[in-house]
Amino acid sequence: MGPSVTQLIVILVIVIIIFGTKRLRNIGADLGGAIKSFRTSIKEGESVEDKATEDKGETIEGEVTSKSDKD
């Protein structure tokens, strides 16, 4: 029960009248850039996460101390 084709065309015409084609083009370019940036950051996050899971096998030498107040 979604909108019909004629209803979508009417909505599109109203949006074009309100915003204008130049502004809609800018909005589309900004939205596309934001999506591209989001995808890039997701891929970088996954690669950092993969590297972190690979590095878990390394041991770090040091002294382990615990503080206990249960005397």
Protein backbone atom coordinates (compact mmCIF):
# COMPACT_ATOMS: atom_id res chain seq x y z
CA MET A 1 0.00 0.00 0.00
CA GLY A 2 2.84 2.37 -0.80
CA PRO A 3 2.50 5.60 -2.72
CA SER A 4 1.65 5.38 -6.39
CA VAL A 5 3.79 6.71 -9.22
CA THR A 6 1.64 9.82 -9.64
CA GLN A 7 1.90 10.62 -5.93
CA LEU A 8 5.70 10.32 -6.10
CA ILE A 9 5.82 12.63 -9.13
CA VAL A 10 3.69 15.23 -7.32
CA ILE A 11 5.97 15.03 -4.26
CA LEU A 12 9.05 15.38 -6.49
CA VAL A 13 7.61 18.46 -8.23
CA ILE A 14 6.78 20.06 -4.86
CA VAL A 15 10.30 19.38 -3.55
CA ILE A 16 11.85 20.87 -6.71
CA ILE A 17 9.66 23.97 -6.39
CA ILE A 18 10.58 24.43 -2.71
CA PHE A 19 14.32 23.77 -2.89
CA GLY A 20 15.24 24.33 -6.52
CA THR A 21 17.43 22.11 -8.66
CA LYS A 22 20.72 23.74 -7.71
CA ARG A 23 20.13 23.30 -3.99
CA LEU A 24 18.95 19.71 -4.48
CA ARG A 25 22.15 18.97 -6.41
CA ASN A 26 24.22 20.36 -3.52
CA ILE A 27 22.24 18.35 -0.99
CA GLY A 28 22.76 15.19 -3.08
CA ALA A 29 26.50 15.84 -3.38
CA ASP A 30 26.81 16.47 0.36
CA LEU A 31 24.82 13.35 1.17
CA GLY A 32 26.93 11.26 -1.22
CA GLY A 33 30.14 12.61 0.32
CA ALA A 34 28.88 11.82 3.81
CA ILE A 35 28.01 8.25 2.83
CA LYS A 36 31.42 7.78 1.17
CA SER A 37 33.18 9.13 4.26
CA PHE A 38 31.11 6.86 6.51
CA ARG A 39 31.97 3.77 4.44
CA THR A 40 35.67 4.69 4.46
CA SER A 41 35.71 5.12 8.22
CA ILE A 42 33.91 1.80 8.69
CA LYS A 43 36.51 0.02 6.53
CA GLU A 44 39.36 1.70 8.43
CA GLY A 45 37.76 0.69 11.72
CA GLU A 46 37.51 -2.91 10.60
CA SER A 47 41.15 -2.96 9.51
CA VAL A 48 42.26 -1.49 12.85
CA GLU A 49 40.09 -4.02 14.67
CA ASP A 50 41.58 -6.89 12.63
CA LYS A 51 45.08 -5.68 13.44
CA ALA A 52 44.22 -5.43 17.13
CA THR A 53 42.99 -9.03 17.18
CA GLU A 54 46.19 -10.15 15.46
CA ASP A 55 48.31 -8.30 18.04
CA LYS A 56 46.63 -10.02 21.01
CA GLY A 57 49.16 -12.85 20.83
CA GLU A 58 52.02 -10.58 21.91
CA THR A 59 53.18 -10.71 25.51
CA ILE A 60 54.21 -7.66 27.42
CA GLU A 61 56.74 -8.07 30.18
CA GLY A 62 56.04 -6.22 33.38
CA GLU A 63 55.08 -6.52 36.99
CA VAL A 64 51.51 -7.28 37.90
CA THR A 65 50.40 -5.87 41.22
CA SER A 66 47.08 -5.95 42.94
CA LYS A 67 45.81 -3.69 45.62
CA SER A 68 43.75 -5.40 48.26
CA ASP A 69 42.17 -3.76 51.30
CA LYS A 70 40.86 -7.01 52.78
CA ASP A 71 43.20 -7.27 55.82
